[in-house]
């Protein structure tokens, strides 16, 4: 997986990141995140229908509907 420019920029700015893993129920949404650029689609999460929460451990989001988050 290649990380896009916005992902790298946010990770450097926050000095943290999370890795969320989708289950079979959310394969289409996970694919959407990989295909669509947040630089051109500013409301990516709204379009996906998924939600995020702030991690209690690091300054980065967690995708609530995904099964695993590191």
N, C-alpha and C. Protein backbone atom coordinates (compact mmCIF):
# COMPACT_ATOMS: atom_id res chain seq x y z
N UNK A 1 0.84 -1.17 0.00
CA UNK A 1 0.00 0.00 0.00
C UNK A 1 0.88 1.23 0.00
N UNK A 2 0.60 2.16 -0.87
CA UNK A 2 1.31 3.43 -0.90
C UNK A 2 0.52 4.45 -0.12
N UNK A 3 1.22 5.24 0.67
CA UNK A 3 0.55 6.29 1.42
C UNK A 3 0.56 7.57 0.61
N UNK A 4 -0.61 8.20 0.52
CA UNK A 4 -0.74 9.42 -0.25
C UNK A 4 -0.11 10.62 0.45
N UNK A 5 0.00 11.71 -0.28
CA UNK A 5 0.62 12.91 0.23
C UNK A 5 -0.05 13.45 1.48
N UNK A 6 -1.38 13.44 1.53
CA UNK A 6 -2.08 13.98 2.69
C UNK A 6 -1.86 13.08 3.92
N UNK A 7 -1.80 11.79 3.73
CA UNK A 7 -1.54 10.86 4.83
C UNK A 7 -0.16 11.11 5.42
N UNK A 8 0.82 11.25 4.56
CA UNK A 8 2.18 11.50 5.01
C UNK A 8 2.26 12.84 5.73
N UNK A 9 1.65 13.86 5.16
CA UNK A 9 1.65 15.20 5.76
C UNK A 9 1.01 15.18 7.15
N UNK A 10 -0.13 14.52 7.29
CA UNK A 10 -0.81 14.45 8.59
C UNK A 10 -0.01 13.65 9.61
N UNK A 11 0.61 12.56 9.17
CA UNK A 11 1.41 11.73 10.07
C UNK A 11 2.62 12.51 10.58
N UNK A 12 3.28 13.24 9.71
CA UNK A 12 4.43 14.05 10.12
C UNK A 12 4.00 15.16 11.07
N UNK A 13 2.88 15.81 10.79
CA UNK A 13 2.41 16.92 11.63
C UNK A 13 2.01 16.44 13.02
N UNK A 14 1.36 15.29 13.10
CA UNK A 14 0.87 14.78 14.38
C UNK A 14 1.89 13.87 15.08
N UNK A 15 2.89 13.42 14.31
CA UNK A 15 3.88 12.46 14.81
C UNK A 15 3.20 11.17 15.32
N UNK A 16 2.12 10.82 14.63
CA UNK A 16 1.36 9.63 15.00
C UNK A 16 0.47 9.21 13.83
N UNK A 17 0.09 7.96 13.82
CA UNK A 17 -0.87 7.47 12.85
C UNK A 17 -1.52 6.20 13.40
N UNK A 18 -2.60 5.81 12.79
CA UNK A 18 -3.25 4.55 13.12
C UNK A 18 -3.39 3.74 11.84
N UNK A 19 -3.55 2.46 12.00
CA UNK A 19 -3.81 1.58 10.87
C UNK A 19 -5.08 0.81 11.21
N UNK A 20 -6.13 1.08 10.45
CA UNK A 20 -7.41 0.40 10.67
C UNK A 20 -7.61 -0.67 9.62
N UNK A 21 -8.10 -1.82 10.04
CA UNK A 21 -8.31 -2.96 9.14
C UNK A 21 -9.79 -3.28 9.06
N UNK A 22 -10.30 -3.27 7.84
CA UNK A 22 -11.72 -3.52 7.61
C UNK A 22 -12.02 -5.01 7.59
N UNK A 23 -13.23 -5.34 7.99
CA UNK A 23 -13.73 -6.70 7.84
C UNK A 23 -14.43 -6.82 6.49
N UNK A 24 -14.93 -7.99 6.19
CA UNK A 24 -15.56 -8.23 4.89
C UNK A 24 -16.78 -7.33 4.65
N UNK A 25 -17.40 -6.87 5.69
CA UNK A 25 -18.58 -6.01 5.59
C UNK A 25 -18.24 -4.63 5.01
N UNK A 26 -16.98 -4.21 5.14
CA UNK A 26 -16.59 -2.86 4.72
C UNK A 26 -15.47 -2.84 3.68
N UNK A 27 -15.40 -3.87 2.85
CA UNK A 27 -14.37 -3.94 1.81
C UNK A 27 -14.52 -2.79 0.81
N UNK A 28 -15.72 -2.48 0.40
CA UNK A 28 -15.94 -1.41 -0.58
C UNK A 28 -15.48 -0.06 -0.03
N UNK A 29 -15.76 0.20 1.24
CA UNK A 29 -15.35 1.46 1.85
C UNK A 29 -13.82 1.54 1.96
N UNK A 30 -13.19 0.44 2.36
CA UNK A 30 -11.73 0.41 2.46
C UNK A 30 -11.11 0.64 1.09
N UNK A 31 -11.67 0.04 0.07
CA UNK A 31 -11.18 0.24 -1.30
C UNK A 31 -11.35 1.69 -1.72
N UNK A 32 -12.48 2.29 -1.38
CA UNK A 32 -12.74 3.70 -1.69
C UNK A 32 -11.66 4.59 -1.08
N UNK A 33 -11.28 4.35 0.17
CA UNK A 33 -10.24 5.16 0.81
C UNK A 33 -8.92 5.05 0.07
N UNK A 34 -8.63 3.89 -0.50
CA UNK A 34 -7.38 3.70 -1.22
C UNK A 34 -7.37 4.28 -2.61
N UNK A 35 -8.54 4.42 -3.21
CA UNK A 35 -8.64 4.86 -4.59
C UNK A 35 -8.85 6.37 -4.72
N UNK A 36 -9.61 6.95 -3.81
CA UNK A 36 -9.96 8.37 -3.90
C UNK A 36 -8.99 9.20 -3.06
N UNK A 37 -8.51 10.28 -3.64
CA UNK A 37 -7.56 11.16 -2.95
C UNK A 37 -8.29 12.15 -2.05
N UNK A 38 -7.80 12.29 -0.82
CA UNK A 38 -8.35 13.29 0.10
C UNK A 38 -7.96 14.69 -0.33
N UNK A 39 -6.97 14.81 -1.20
CA UNK A 39 -6.59 16.13 -1.72
C UNK A 39 -7.66 16.68 -2.66
N UNK A 40 -8.37 15.80 -3.35
CA UNK A 40 -9.40 16.25 -4.28
C UNK A 40 -10.82 16.02 -3.75
N UNK A 41 -10.99 15.14 -2.79
CA UNK A 41 -12.30 14.87 -2.19
C UNK A 41 -12.17 15.13 -0.69
N UNK A 42 -12.48 16.35 -0.29
CA UNK A 42 -12.25 16.77 1.09
C UNK A 42 -13.18 16.08 2.09
N UNK A 43 -14.33 15.62 1.65
CA UNK A 43 -15.31 14.99 2.55
C UNK A 43 -15.34 13.47 2.38
N UNK A 44 -14.17 12.88 2.27
CA UNK A 44 -14.04 11.44 2.02
C UNK A 44 -14.81 10.59 3.05
N UNK A 45 -14.70 10.93 4.32
CA UNK A 45 -15.39 10.15 5.33
C UNK A 45 -16.90 10.31 5.23
N UNK A 46 -17.38 11.50 4.98
CA UNK A 46 -18.82 11.70 4.81
C UNK A 46 -19.35 10.87 3.65
N UNK A 47 -18.63 10.88 2.53
CA UNK A 47 -19.05 10.12 1.35
C UNK A 47 -19.05 8.63 1.65
N UNK A 48 -18.08 8.16 2.43
CA UNK A 48 -17.96 6.73 2.72
C UNK A 48 -19.08 6.22 3.63
N UNK A 49 -19.65 7.11 4.42
CA UNK A 49 -20.68 6.70 5.38
C UNK A 49 -20.11 6.16 6.68
N UNK A 50 -18.78 6.16 6.82
CA UNK A 50 -18.14 5.67 8.04
C UNK A 50 -17.88 6.83 8.98
N UNK A 51 -17.55 6.50 10.22
CA UNK A 51 -17.28 7.54 11.21
C UNK A 51 -15.94 7.29 11.89
N UNK A 52 -15.40 8.34 12.49
CA UNK A 52 -14.13 8.23 13.19
C UNK A 52 -14.26 8.72 14.62
N UNK A 53 -13.34 8.26 15.43
CA UNK A 53 -13.18 8.73 16.81
C UNK A 53 -11.71 9.04 17.00
N UNK A 54 -11.44 9.88 17.97
CA UNK A 54 -10.05 10.17 18.29
C UNK A 54 -9.47 9.03 19.11
N UNK A 55 -8.28 8.60 18.76
CA UNK A 55 -7.61 7.55 19.51
C UNK A 55 -7.29 8.04 20.92
N UNK A 56 -7.40 7.15 21.89
CA UNK A 56 -7.02 7.49 23.26
C UNK A 56 -5.51 7.41 23.46
N UNK A 57 -4.81 6.79 22.52
CA UNK A 57 -3.37 6.55 22.66
C UNK A 57 -2.50 7.53 21.88
N UNK A 58 -2.93 7.92 20.68
CA UNK A 58 -2.15 8.81 19.82
C UNK A 58 -3.07 9.86 19.20
N UNK A 59 -2.49 10.90 18.63
CA UNK A 59 -3.26 11.97 18.00
C UNK A 59 -3.56 11.60 16.55
N UNK A 60 -4.46 10.64 16.39
CA UNK A 60 -4.85 10.16 15.08
C UNK A 60 -6.23 9.51 15.18
N UNK A 61 -6.95 9.45 14.07
CA UNK A 61 -8.31 8.90 14.11
C UNK A 61 -8.36 7.38 14.07
N UNK A 62 -9.48 6.87 14.55
CA UNK A 62 -9.83 5.45 14.47
C UNK A 62 -11.11 5.37 13.64
N UNK A 63 -11.17 4.44 12.70
CA UNK A 63 -12.40 4.23 11.95
C UNK A 63 -13.28 3.30 12.77
N UNK A 64 -14.38 3.82 13.25
CA UNK A 64 -15.22 3.08 14.22
C UNK A 64 -15.77 1.76 13.70
N UNK A 65 -16.11 1.70 12.44
CA UNK A 65 -16.75 0.51 11.89
C UNK A 65 -15.77 -0.59 11.51
N UNK A 66 -14.48 -0.30 11.46
CA UNK A 66 -13.49 -1.31 11.10
C UNK A 66 -13.17 -2.18 12.32
N UNK A 67 -12.81 -3.42 12.07
CA UNK A 67 -12.66 -4.41 13.12
C UNK A 67 -11.44 -4.20 14.03
N UNK A 68 -10.32 -3.79 13.43
CA UNK A 68 -9.06 -3.71 14.16
C UNK A 68 -8.40 -2.37 13.91
N UNK A 69 -7.78 -1.83 14.94
CA UNK A 69 -7.02 -0.59 14.78
C UNK A 69 -5.71 -0.71 15.58
N UNK A 70 -4.61 -0.47 14.89
CA UNK A 70 -3.30 -0.46 15.54
C UNK A 70 -2.83 0.97 15.66
